[in-house]
């Protein structure tokens, strides 16, 4: 059985969300520490290029999801429960509903226009340097820039932080895995 190594999520205007998964290569084992990938670099590039860069650019979050090790499955280390995650998500959602109460047809960070991004996604000088470095180093588009700011704002909301901190930006940049891995 192959393990999905990338999860993809994109928000649509009418309260819909797309979640998708793909293998990192045709055999499914590229980058797996326990199994050998038998695909050539051109095969991997051909496989990954089936998702166009412009389409990928419109996806808010894409991350690698490695296989879970047996000890982690059976271990008894403390984890955040689903109820706790749900509660934190509901609090973040309430923050967003309050933030956009005076905005017409806007209820979530994902729907912010460029004007609203400037209004609600201010970042510090340190954050500006971090974001600029990421955009230049990874060759990200203006659309990716906006997605990073929206995701950063959501991460800050989940953290109950009134402003976007550099750590929120850093986490959002990390969620652009496919930009870094295949298109950068």
N, C-alpha and C. Protein backbone atom coordinates (compact mmCIF):
# COMPACT_ATOMS: atom_id res chain seq x y z
N UNK A 1 0.84 -1.18 0.00
CA UNK A 1 0.00 0.00 0.00
C UNK A 1 0.88 1.23 0.00
N UNK A 2 0.59 2.20 -0.85
CA UNK A 2 1.37 3.43 -0.87
C UNK A 2 0.74 4.44 0.07
N UNK A 3 1.57 5.27 0.61
CA UNK A 3 1.13 6.29 1.55
C UNK A 3 1.07 7.64 0.85
N UNK A 4 0.00 8.37 1.04
CA UNK A 4 -0.09 9.71 0.47
C UNK A 4 0.94 10.59 1.15
N UNK A 5 1.76 11.26 0.38
CA UNK A 5 2.84 12.05 0.94
C UNK A 5 2.58 13.54 0.87
N UNK A 6 1.53 13.96 0.22
CA UNK A 6 1.22 15.38 0.16
C UNK A 6 -0.27 15.56 0.34
N UNK A 7 -0.63 16.47 1.19
CA UNK A 7 -2.04 16.79 1.37
C UNK A 7 -2.25 18.19 0.81
N UNK A 8 -3.37 18.40 0.15
CA UNK A 8 -3.63 19.68 -0.49
C UNK A 8 -5.00 20.17 -0.05
N UNK A 9 -5.07 21.44 0.29
CA UNK A 9 -6.34 22.02 0.71
C UNK A 9 -6.51 23.37 0.02
N UNK A 10 -7.69 23.63 -0.48
CA UNK A 10 -7.98 24.93 -1.11
C UNK A 10 -9.39 25.34 -0.71
N UNK A 11 -9.58 26.61 -0.44
CA UNK A 11 -10.90 27.11 -0.06
C UNK A 11 -11.61 27.68 -1.27
N UNK A 12 -12.90 27.46 -1.34
CA UNK A 12 -13.71 28.03 -2.39
C UNK A 12 -14.61 29.08 -1.76
N UNK A 13 -15.08 30.05 -2.55
CA UNK A 13 -15.88 31.14 -2.00
C UNK A 13 -17.14 30.71 -1.27
N UNK A 14 -17.81 29.67 -1.70
CA UNK A 14 -19.10 29.32 -1.13
C UNK A 14 -19.00 28.30 0.00
N UNK A 15 -18.03 28.48 0.90
CA UNK A 15 -17.87 27.63 2.08
C UNK A 15 -17.54 26.17 1.75
N UNK A 16 -16.87 25.92 0.68
CA UNK A 16 -16.45 24.58 0.32
C UNK A 16 -14.94 24.48 0.50
N UNK A 17 -14.47 23.28 0.74
CA UNK A 17 -13.05 23.07 0.83
C UNK A 17 -12.70 21.81 0.06
N UNK A 18 -11.63 21.90 -0.69
CA UNK A 18 -11.13 20.75 -1.41
C UNK A 18 -9.95 20.19 -0.62
N UNK A 19 -9.96 18.92 -0.35
CA UNK A 19 -8.82 18.24 0.25
C UNK A 19 -8.44 17.11 -0.69
N UNK A 20 -7.19 17.05 -1.04
CA UNK A 20 -6.72 16.04 -1.98
C UNK A 20 -5.39 15.47 -1.51
N UNK A 21 -5.02 14.34 -2.04
CA UNK A 21 -3.74 13.73 -1.70
C UNK A 21 -3.11 13.18 -2.96
N UNK A 22 -1.79 13.15 -2.96
CA UNK A 22 -1.07 12.57 -4.08
C UNK A 22 0.20 11.92 -3.56
N UNK A 23 0.68 10.94 -4.28
CA UNK A 23 1.97 10.32 -3.95
C UNK A 23 3.08 11.24 -4.45
N UNK A 24 4.27 11.11 -3.88
CA UNK A 24 5.37 11.96 -4.32
C UNK A 24 5.96 11.55 -5.67
N UNK A 25 5.64 10.35 -6.13
CA UNK A 25 6.16 9.83 -7.39
C UNK A 25 5.26 8.66 -7.82
N UNK A 26 5.47 8.11 -9.01
CA UNK A 26 4.61 7.00 -9.45
C UNK A 26 4.61 5.79 -8.51
N UNK A 27 5.77 5.42 -7.94
CA UNK A 27 5.80 4.25 -7.06
C UNK A 27 5.34 4.59 -5.63
N UNK A 28 5.38 5.87 -5.28
CA UNK A 28 4.91 6.30 -3.97
C UNK A 28 5.95 6.35 -2.87
N UNK A 29 7.21 6.07 -3.17
CA UNK A 29 8.21 5.97 -2.11
C UNK A 29 9.33 7.01 -2.18
N UNK A 30 9.23 8.01 -3.05
CA UNK A 30 10.26 9.03 -3.12
C UNK A 30 10.36 9.75 -1.78
N UNK A 31 11.55 9.79 -1.22
CA UNK A 31 11.76 10.45 0.06
C UNK A 31 11.40 9.62 1.27
N UNK A 32 10.92 8.39 1.09
CA UNK A 32 10.57 7.53 2.21
C UNK A 32 11.85 6.97 2.82
N UNK A 33 12.03 7.12 4.13
CA UNK A 33 13.27 6.65 4.74
C UNK A 33 13.36 5.12 4.87
N UNK A 34 12.24 4.41 4.71
CA UNK A 34 12.26 2.96 4.91
C UNK A 34 12.15 2.15 3.63
N UNK A 35 11.74 2.77 2.54
CA UNK A 35 11.59 2.04 1.28
C UNK A 35 12.29 2.77 0.16
N UNK A 36 12.75 2.03 -0.80
CA UNK A 36 13.50 2.61 -1.92
C UNK A 36 12.57 3.00 -3.06
N UNK A 37 12.76 4.19 -3.56
CA UNK A 37 12.02 4.66 -4.74
C UNK A 37 12.73 4.14 -5.99
N UNK A 38 11.97 3.64 -6.94
CA UNK A 38 12.53 3.09 -8.17
C UNK A 38 12.27 4.00 -9.37
N UNK A 39 11.83 5.21 -9.10
CA UNK A 39 11.51 6.14 -10.18
C UNK A 39 12.73 6.98 -10.54
N UNK A 40 12.87 7.30 -11.81
CA UNK A 40 13.95 8.17 -12.25
C UNK A 40 13.53 9.63 -12.05
N UNK A 41 14.47 10.56 -11.94
CA UNK A 41 14.10 11.98 -11.82
C UNK A 41 13.16 12.46 -12.92
N UNK A 42 13.38 12.09 -14.19
CA UNK A 42 12.41 12.52 -15.21
C UNK A 42 11.00 11.95 -14.99
N UNK A 43 10.91 10.71 -14.49
CA UNK A 43 9.59 10.13 -14.20
C UNK A 43 8.91 10.92 -13.09
N UNK A 44 9.67 11.25 -12.06
CA UNK A 44 9.10 12.01 -10.94
C UNK A 44 8.64 13.38 -11.42
N UNK A 45 9.46 14.06 -12.20
CA UNK A 45 9.10 15.39 -12.70
C UNK A 45 7.86 15.32 -13.59
N UNK A 46 7.78 14.31 -14.45
CA UNK A 46 6.61 14.13 -15.31
C UNK A 46 5.35 13.89 -14.47
N UNK A 47 5.49 13.06 -13.44
CA UNK A 47 4.38 12.73 -12.56
C UNK A 47 3.87 13.98 -11.83
N UNK A 48 4.79 14.71 -11.25
CA UNK A 48 4.43 15.90 -10.47
C UNK A 48 3.91 17.01 -11.37
N UNK A 49 4.43 17.11 -12.59
CA UNK A 49 4.01 18.19 -13.48
C UNK A 49 2.57 18.01 -13.98
N UNK A 50 1.93 16.91 -13.64
CA UNK A 50 0.52 16.74 -14.00
C UNK A 50 -0.35 17.78 -13.29
N UNK A 51 0.16 18.29 -12.17
CA UNK A 51 -0.52 19.40 -11.49
C UNK A 51 0.18 20.66 -11.95
N UNK A 52 -0.52 21.51 -12.64
CA UNK A 52 0.11 22.71 -13.19
C UNK A 52 0.51 23.68 -12.08
N UNK A 53 1.56 24.43 -12.33
CA UNK A 53 2.00 25.45 -11.38
C UNK A 53 0.91 26.46 -11.05
N UNK A 54 0.18 27.00 -12.07
CA UNK A 54 -0.89 27.95 -11.77
C UNK A 54 -2.01 27.36 -10.90
N UNK A 55 -2.32 26.08 -11.10
CA UNK A 55 -3.33 25.45 -10.25
C UNK A 55 -2.79 25.32 -8.82
N UNK A 56 -1.58 24.84 -8.70
CA UNK A 56 -0.96 24.68 -7.40
C UNK A 56 -0.84 26.01 -6.67
N UNK A 57 -0.61 27.07 -7.41
CA UNK A 57 -0.49 28.41 -6.86
C UNK A 57 -1.78 28.86 -6.17
N UNK A 58 -2.91 28.31 -6.59
CA UNK A 58 -4.20 28.69 -6.03
C UNK A 58 -4.58 27.86 -4.80
N UNK A 59 -3.72 26.95 -4.42
CA UNK A 59 -3.98 26.09 -3.27
C UNK A 59 -3.33 26.70 -2.03
N UNK A 60 -4.10 26.86 -0.97
CA UNK A 60 -3.63 27.54 0.23
C UNK A 60 -2.53 26.77 0.96
N UNK A 61 -2.74 25.50 1.16
CA UNK A 61 -1.82 24.71 1.99
C UNK A 61 -1.48 23.42 1.26
N UNK A 62 -0.19 23.12 1.18
CA UNK A 62 0.23 21.81 0.70
C UNK A 62 1.42 21.36 1.54
N UNK A 63 1.28 20.19 2.12
CA UNK A 63 2.30 19.68 3.04
C UNK A 63 2.59 18.21 2.77
N UNK A 64 3.77 17.79 3.16
CA UNK A 64 4.10 16.38 3.10
C UNK A 64 3.58 15.70 4.35
N UNK A 65 3.01 14.53 4.17
CA UNK A 65 2.49 13.75 5.28
C UNK A 65 3.19 12.39 5.26
N UNK A 66 4.28 12.27 6.01
CA UNK A 66 5.01 10.99 5.99
C UNK A 66 4.24 9.90 6.73
N UNK A 67 4.61 8.66 6.46
CA UNK A 67 3.99 7.53 7.15
C UNK A 67 4.27 7.63 8.64
N UNK A 68 3.31 7.25 9.45
CA UNK A 68 3.47 7.29 10.91
C UNK A 68 4.20 6.02 11.35
N UNK A 69 5.20 6.21 12.19
CA UNK A 69 5.96 5.07 12.69
C UNK A 69 5.12 4.29 13.70
N UNK A 70 5.37 3.00 13.78
CA UNK A 70 4.61 2.13 14.66
C UNK A 70 4.66 2.61 16.12
N UNK A 71 5.83 2.97 16.59
CA UNK A 71 5.97 3.41 17.99
C UNK A 71 5.12 4.65 18.27
N UNK A 72 4.99 5.51 17.27
CA UNK A 72 4.15 6.70 17.44
C UNK A 72 2.67 6.31 17.48
N UNK A 73 2.29 5.30 16.70
CA UNK A 73 0.90 4.83 16.71
C UNK A 73 0.53 4.22 18.06
N UNK A 74 1.46 3.47 18.64
CA UNK A 74 1.20 2.74 19.87
C UNK A 74 1.63 3.49 21.12
N UNK A 75 2.39 4.56 20.95
CA UNK A 75 2.90 5.30 22.09
C UNK A 75 1.80 5.99 22.88
N UNK A 76 2.14 6.38 24.08
CA UNK A 76 1.16 7.06 24.92
C UNK A 76 1.60 8.48 25.24
N UNK A 77 2.28 9.11 24.28
CA UNK A 77 2.66 10.50 24.47
C UNK A 77 1.40 11.36 24.35
N UNK A 78 1.34 12.45 25.10
CA UNK A 78 0.13 13.27 25.10
C UNK A 78 -0.09 13.93 23.73
N UNK A 79 -1.32 13.89 23.28
CA UNK A 79 -1.70 14.53 22.02
C UNK A 79 -2.92 15.39 22.27
N UNK A 80 -3.09 16.40 21.43
CA UNK A 80 -4.26 17.25 21.53
C UNK A 80 -5.47 16.47 21.03
N UNK A 81 -6.53 16.43 21.81
CA UNK A 81 -7.71 15.66 21.43
C UNK A 81 -8.47 16.37 20.31
N UNK A 82 -9.31 15.63 19.62
CA UNK A 82 -10.15 16.20 18.56
C UNK A 82 -11.06 17.29 19.12
N UNK A 83 -11.55 17.09 20.32
CA UNK A 83 -12.43 18.09 20.94
C UNK A 83 -11.66 19.39 21.20
N UNK A 84 -10.41 19.28 21.61
CA UNK A 84 -9.59 20.47 21.85
C UNK A 84 -9.29 21.20 20.54
N UNK A 85 -8.99 20.44 19.50
CA UNK A 85 -8.72 21.03 18.19
C UNK A 85 -9.98 21.73 17.68
N UNK A 86 -11.12 21.07 17.83
CA UNK A 86 -12.40 21.64 17.39
C UNK A 86 -12.68 22.94 18.13
N UNK A 87 -12.46 22.97 19.43
CA UNK A 87 -12.71 24.16 20.23
C UNK A 87 -11.82 25.32 19.78
N UNK A 88 -10.55 25.03 19.52
CA UNK A 88 -9.62 26.06 19.06
C UNK A 88 -10.04 26.58 17.68
N UNK A 89 -10.50 25.68 16.82
CA UNK A 89 -10.96 26.09 15.48
C UNK A 89 -12.21 26.96 15.58
N UNK A 90 -13.12 26.60 16.47
CA UNK A 90 -14.34 27.40 16.65
C UNK A 90 -14.02 28.79 17.20
N UNK A 91 -13.05 28.87 18.12
CA UNK A 91 -12.65 30.18 18.64
C UNK A 91 -12.04 31.04 17.53
N UNK A 92 -11.20 30.42 16.69
CA UNK A 92 -10.60 31.16 15.57
C UNK A 92 -11.69 31.61 14.59
N UNK A 93 -12.65 30.76 14.36
CA UNK A 93 -13.75 31.10 13.45
C UNK A 93 -14.55 32.27 14.01
N UNK A 94 -14.78 32.29 15.32
CA UNK A 94 -15.51 33.39 15.95
C UNK A 94 -14.73 34.70 15.81
N UNK A 95 -13.42 34.64 15.95
CA UNK A 95 -12.56 35.82 15.77
C UNK A 95 -12.73 36.36 14.35
N UNK A 96 -12.74 35.46 13.37
CA UNK A 96 -12.87 35.88 11.98
C UNK A 96 -14.26 36.46 11.71
N UNK A 97 -15.29 35.84 12.25
CA UNK A 97 -16.64 36.37 12.05
C UNK A 97 -16.77 37.76 12.64
N UNK A 98 -16.16 37.98 13.80
CA UNK A 98 -16.18 39.30 14.42
C UNK A 98 -15.37 40.30 13.59
N UNK A 99 -14.22 39.88 13.10
CA UNK A 99 -13.34 40.75 12.30
C UNK A 99 -14.08 41.25 11.05
N UNK A 100 -14.83 40.37 10.41
CA UNK A 100 -15.46 40.69 9.13
C UNK A 100 -16.95 41.04 9.27
N UNK A 101 -17.40 41.32 10.47
CA UNK A 101 -18.82 41.61 10.71
C UNK A 101 -19.31 42.79 9.87
N UNK A 102 -18.45 43.77 9.63
CA UNK A 102 -18.87 44.95 8.86
C UNK A 102 -18.55 44.82 7.37
N UNK A 103 -17.90 43.75 6.99
CA UNK A 103 -17.55 43.54 5.58
C UNK A 103 -18.66 42.75 4.89
N UNK A 104 -19.01 43.17 3.69
CA UNK A 104 -20.09 42.51 2.96
C UNK A 104 -19.61 41.19 2.36
N UNK A 105 -20.31 40.10 2.64
CA UNK A 105 -20.06 38.76 2.08
C UNK A 105 -18.69 38.19 2.39
N UNK A 106 -18.06 38.64 3.46
CA UNK A 106 -16.78 38.09 3.89
C UNK A 106 -16.99 37.49 5.27
N UNK A 107 -16.60 36.23 5.43
CA UNK A 107 -16.75 35.57 6.72
C UNK A 107 -15.49 34.85 7.18
N UNK A 108 -14.46 34.78 6.31
CA UNK A 108 -13.25 34.04 6.67
C UNK A 108 -12.02 34.68 6.05
N UNK A 109 -10.88 34.42 6.62
CA UNK A 109 -9.62 34.97 6.13
C UNK A 109 -9.36 34.62 4.67
N UNK A 110 -9.76 33.44 4.26
CA UNK A 110 -9.51 33.00 2.88
C UNK A 110 -10.17 33.90 1.85
N UNK A 111 -11.17 34.65 2.25
CA UNK A 111 -11.92 35.49 1.31
C UNK A 111 -11.40 36.93 1.23
N UNK A 112 -10.35 37.24 1.96
CA UNK A 112 -9.87 38.62 1.98
C UNK A 112 -9.38 39.08 0.61
N UNK A 113 -9.76 40.29 0.25
CA UNK A 113 -9.27 40.93 -0.97
C UNK A 113 -7.91 41.56 -0.65
N UNK A 114 -7.19 42.01 -1.67
CA UNK A 114 -5.91 42.69 -1.40
C UNK A 114 -6.05 43.88 -0.44
N UNK A 115 -7.15 44.62 -0.56
CA UNK A 115 -7.39 45.76 0.33
C UNK A 115 -7.55 45.28 1.78
N UNK A 116 -8.30 44.19 1.98
CA UNK A 116 -8.48 43.66 3.33
C UNK A 116 -7.20 43.03 3.87
N UNK A 117 -6.38 42.47 2.97
CA UNK A 117 -5.08 41.93 3.40
C UNK A 117 -4.24 43.03 4.03
N UNK A 118 -4.21 44.20 3.38
CA UNK A 118 -3.44 45.32 3.92
C UNK A 118 -4.01 45.78 5.26
N UNK A 119 -5.33 45.71 5.38
CA UNK A 119 -5.99 46.18 6.61
C UNK A 119 -5.78 45.22 7.78
N UNK A 120 -5.89 43.91 7.54
CA UNK A 120 -5.89 42.94 8.63
C UNK A 120 -4.62 42.08 8.75
N UNK A 121 -3.70 42.22 7.82
CA UNK A 121 -2.51 41.35 7.84
C UNK A 121 -1.22 42.14 7.92
N UNK A 122 -1.19 43.14 8.77
CA UNK A 122 0.04 43.89 8.97
C UNK A 122 1.09 43.01 9.64
N UNK A 123 2.34 43.18 9.22
CA UNK A 123 3.42 42.39 9.81
C UNK A 123 4.58 43.32 10.21
N UNK A 124 5.37 42.87 11.14
CA UNK A 124 6.51 43.64 11.65
C UNK A 124 7.63 43.70 10.61
N UNK A 125 8.64 44.52 10.90
CA UNK A 125 9.81 44.61 10.01
C UNK A 125 10.49 43.24 9.90
N UNK A 126 10.56 42.53 11.01
CA UNK A 126 11.15 41.18 10.99
C UNK A 126 10.33 40.25 10.10
N UNK A 127 9.01 40.36 10.21
CA UNK A 127 8.12 39.55 9.36
C UNK A 127 8.27 39.91 7.89
N UNK A 128 8.41 41.21 7.61
CA UNK A 128 8.61 41.66 6.22
C UNK A 128 9.87 41.04 5.63
N UNK A 129 10.95 41.03 6.41
CA UNK A 129 12.21 40.45 5.92
C UNK A 129 12.05 38.95 5.67
N UNK A 130 11.38 38.26 6.60
CA UNK A 130 11.15 36.82 6.46
C UNK A 130 10.35 36.51 5.21
N UNK A 131 9.26 37.25 5.00
CA UNK A 131 8.39 37.01 3.84
C UNK A 131 9.11 37.37 2.54
N UNK A 132 9.82 38.48 2.53
CA UNK A 132 10.56 38.87 1.32
C UNK A 132 11.60 37.81 0.96
N UNK A 133 12.32 37.33 1.95
CA UNK A 133 13.34 36.30 1.73
C UNK A 133 12.70 35.03 1.15
N UNK A 134 11.56 34.64 1.70
CA UNK A 134 10.87 33.44 1.21
C UNK A 134 10.40 33.63 -0.23
N UNK A 135 9.83 34.77 -0.53
CA UNK A 135 9.32 35.04 -1.89
C UNK A 135 10.47 35.01 -2.89
N UNK A 136 11.58 35.67 -2.54
CA UNK A 136 12.72 35.72 -3.46
C UNK A 136 13.41 34.37 -3.59
N UNK A 137 13.66 33.71 -2.47
CA UNK A 137 14.39 32.45 -2.49
C UNK A 137 13.60 31.33 -3.15
N UNK A 138 12.29 31.31 -2.91
CA UNK A 138 11.46 30.24 -3.46
C UNK A 138 10.84 30.61 -4.81
N UNK A 139 10.98 31.87 -5.20
CA UNK A 139 10.41 32.30 -6.47
C UNK A 139 8.90 32.27 -6.47
N UNK A 140 8.29 32.64 -5.36
CA UNK A 140 6.84 32.57 -5.23
C UNK A 140 6.16 33.73 -5.95
N UNK A 141 4.94 33.49 -6.37
CA UNK A 141 4.16 34.50 -7.09
C UNK A 141 3.46 35.45 -6.12
N UNK A 142 2.84 36.48 -6.69
CA UNK A 142 2.04 37.41 -5.89
C UNK A 142 0.86 36.67 -5.25
N UNK A 143 0.30 35.72 -5.98
CA UNK A 143 -0.81 34.93 -5.44
C UNK A 143 -0.34 34.12 -4.23
N UNK A 144 0.84 33.51 -4.32
CA UNK A 144 1.39 32.74 -3.19
C UNK A 144 1.64 33.67 -2.00
N UNK A 145 2.12 34.88 -2.26
CA UNK A 145 2.33 35.89 -1.21
C UNK A 145 1.03 36.13 -0.45
N UNK A 146 -0.05 36.35 -1.19
CA UNK A 146 -1.35 36.61 -0.56
C UNK A 146 -1.83 35.38 0.23
N UNK A 147 -1.64 34.20 -0.33
CA UNK A 147 -2.05 32.97 0.36
C UNK A 147 -1.28 32.81 1.67
N UNK A 148 0.00 33.11 1.65
CA UNK A 148 0.82 33.01 2.86
C UNK A 148 0.29 33.97 3.93
N UNK A 149 -0.05 35.20 3.53
CA UNK A 149 -0.59 36.16 4.50
C UNK A 149 -1.93 35.69 5.07
N UNK A 150 -2.80 35.14 4.23
CA UNK A 150 -4.10 34.66 4.71
C UNK A 150 -3.93 33.49 5.67
N UNK A 151 -3.06 32.56 5.32
CA UNK A 151 -2.82 31.41 6.20
C UNK A 151 -2.16 31.88 7.50
N UNK A 152 -1.25 32.84 7.41
CA UNK A 152 -0.60 33.40 8.61
C UNK A 152 -1.64 34.02 9.54
N UNK A 153 -2.58 34.75 8.96
CA UNK A 153 -3.63 35.38 9.76
C UNK A 153 -4.47 34.30 10.47
N UNK A 154 -4.74 33.21 9.77
CA UNK A 154 -5.51 32.12 10.36
C UNK A 154 -4.72 31.43 11.47
N UNK A 155 -3.43 31.23 11.26
CA UNK A 155 -2.59 30.62 12.29
C UNK A 155 -2.56 31.52 13.53
N UNK A 156 -2.46 32.83 13.31
CA UNK A 156 -2.49 33.77 14.43
C UNK A 156 -3.83 33.69 15.16
N UNK A 157 -4.93 33.55 14.41
CA UNK A 157 -6.25 33.41 15.03
C UNK A 157 -6.33 32.13 15.86
N UNK A 158 -5.79 31.04 15.34
CA UNK A 158 -5.78 29.77 16.08
C UNK A 158 -4.96 29.90 17.37
N UNK A 159 -3.97 30.77 17.32
CA UNK A 159 -3.09 31.03 18.46
C UNK A 159 -3.66 32.11 19.37
N UNK A 160 -4.83 32.66 19.01
CA UNK A 160 -5.47 33.77 19.74
C UNK A 160 -4.55 34.97 19.83
N UNK A 161 -3.78 35.20 18.79
CA UNK A 161 -2.85 36.33 18.75
C UNK A 161 -3.48 37.48 17.97
N UNK A 162 -3.45 38.68 18.50
CA UNK A 162 -4.07 39.81 17.79
C UNK A 162 -3.34 40.19 16.50
N UNK A 163 -2.04 39.91 16.43
CA UNK A 163 -1.27 40.25 15.23
C UNK A 163 -0.55 39.04 14.66
N UNK A 164 -0.11 39.19 13.43
CA UNK A 164 0.68 38.13 12.79
C UNK A 164 2.12 38.29 13.24
N UNK A 165 2.64 37.27 13.87
CA UNK A 165 4.02 37.28 14.34
C UNK A 165 4.90 36.54 13.34
N UNK A 166 6.22 36.76 13.38
CA UNK A 166 7.10 36.05 12.46
C UNK A 166 6.94 34.52 12.51
N UNK A 167 6.65 33.97 13.68
CA UNK A 167 6.47 32.52 13.77
C UNK A 167 5.23 32.06 13.00
N UNK A 168 4.20 32.90 12.94
CA UNK A 168 3.01 32.57 12.17
C UNK A 168 3.34 32.57 10.67
N UNK A 169 4.09 33.58 10.25
CA UNK A 169 4.52 33.65 8.85
C UNK A 169 5.39 32.45 8.50
N UNK A 170 6.32 32.13 9.37
CA UNK A 170 7.23 31.02 9.13
C UNK A 170 6.46 29.71 8.96
N UNK A 171 5.46 29.49 9.80
CA UNK A 171 4.65 28.27 9.69
C UNK A 171 3.89 28.26 8.37
N UNK A 172 3.31 29.39 7.99
CA UNK A 172 2.56 29.46 6.72
C UNK A 172 3.47 29.21 5.53
N UNK A 173 4.68 29.72 5.58
CA UNK A 173 5.64 29.48 4.49
C UNK A 173 5.97 28.00 4.39
N UNK A 174 6.07 27.35 5.53
CA UNK A 174 6.36 25.91 5.54
C UNK A 174 5.24 25.11 4.89
N UNK A 175 4.04 25.65 4.86
CA UNK A 175 2.92 24.94 4.24
C UNK A 175 2.92 25.07 2.72
N UNK A 176 3.97 25.62 2.14
CA UNK A 176 4.12 25.72 0.69
C UNK A 176 5.12 24.66 0.22
N UNK A 177 5.02 23.45 0.73
CA UNK A 177 5.97 22.37 0.45
C UNK A 177 6.19 22.13 -1.03
N UNK A 178 5.14 22.06 -1.80
CA UNK A 178 5.29 21.72 -3.20
C UNK A 178 5.97 22.84 -3.98
N UNK A 179 5.77 24.10 -3.55
CA UNK A 179 6.51 25.20 -4.17
C UNK A 179 8.01 24.99 -3.96
N UNK A 180 8.38 24.61 -2.75
CA UNK A 180 9.80 24.43 -2.40
C UNK A 180 10.39 23.20 -3.06
N UNK A 181 9.64 22.12 -3.11
CA UNK A 181 10.17 20.84 -3.55
C UNK A 181 10.29 20.72 -5.06
N UNK A 182 9.27 21.13 -5.78
CA UNK A 182 9.23 20.83 -7.21
C UNK A 182 9.27 22.04 -8.14
N UNK A 183 8.77 23.17 -7.69
CA UNK A 183 8.67 24.31 -8.60
C UNK A 183 9.65 25.42 -8.28
N UNK A 184 10.39 25.32 -7.19
CA UNK A 184 11.33 26.39 -6.84
C UNK A 184 12.63 26.23 -7.60
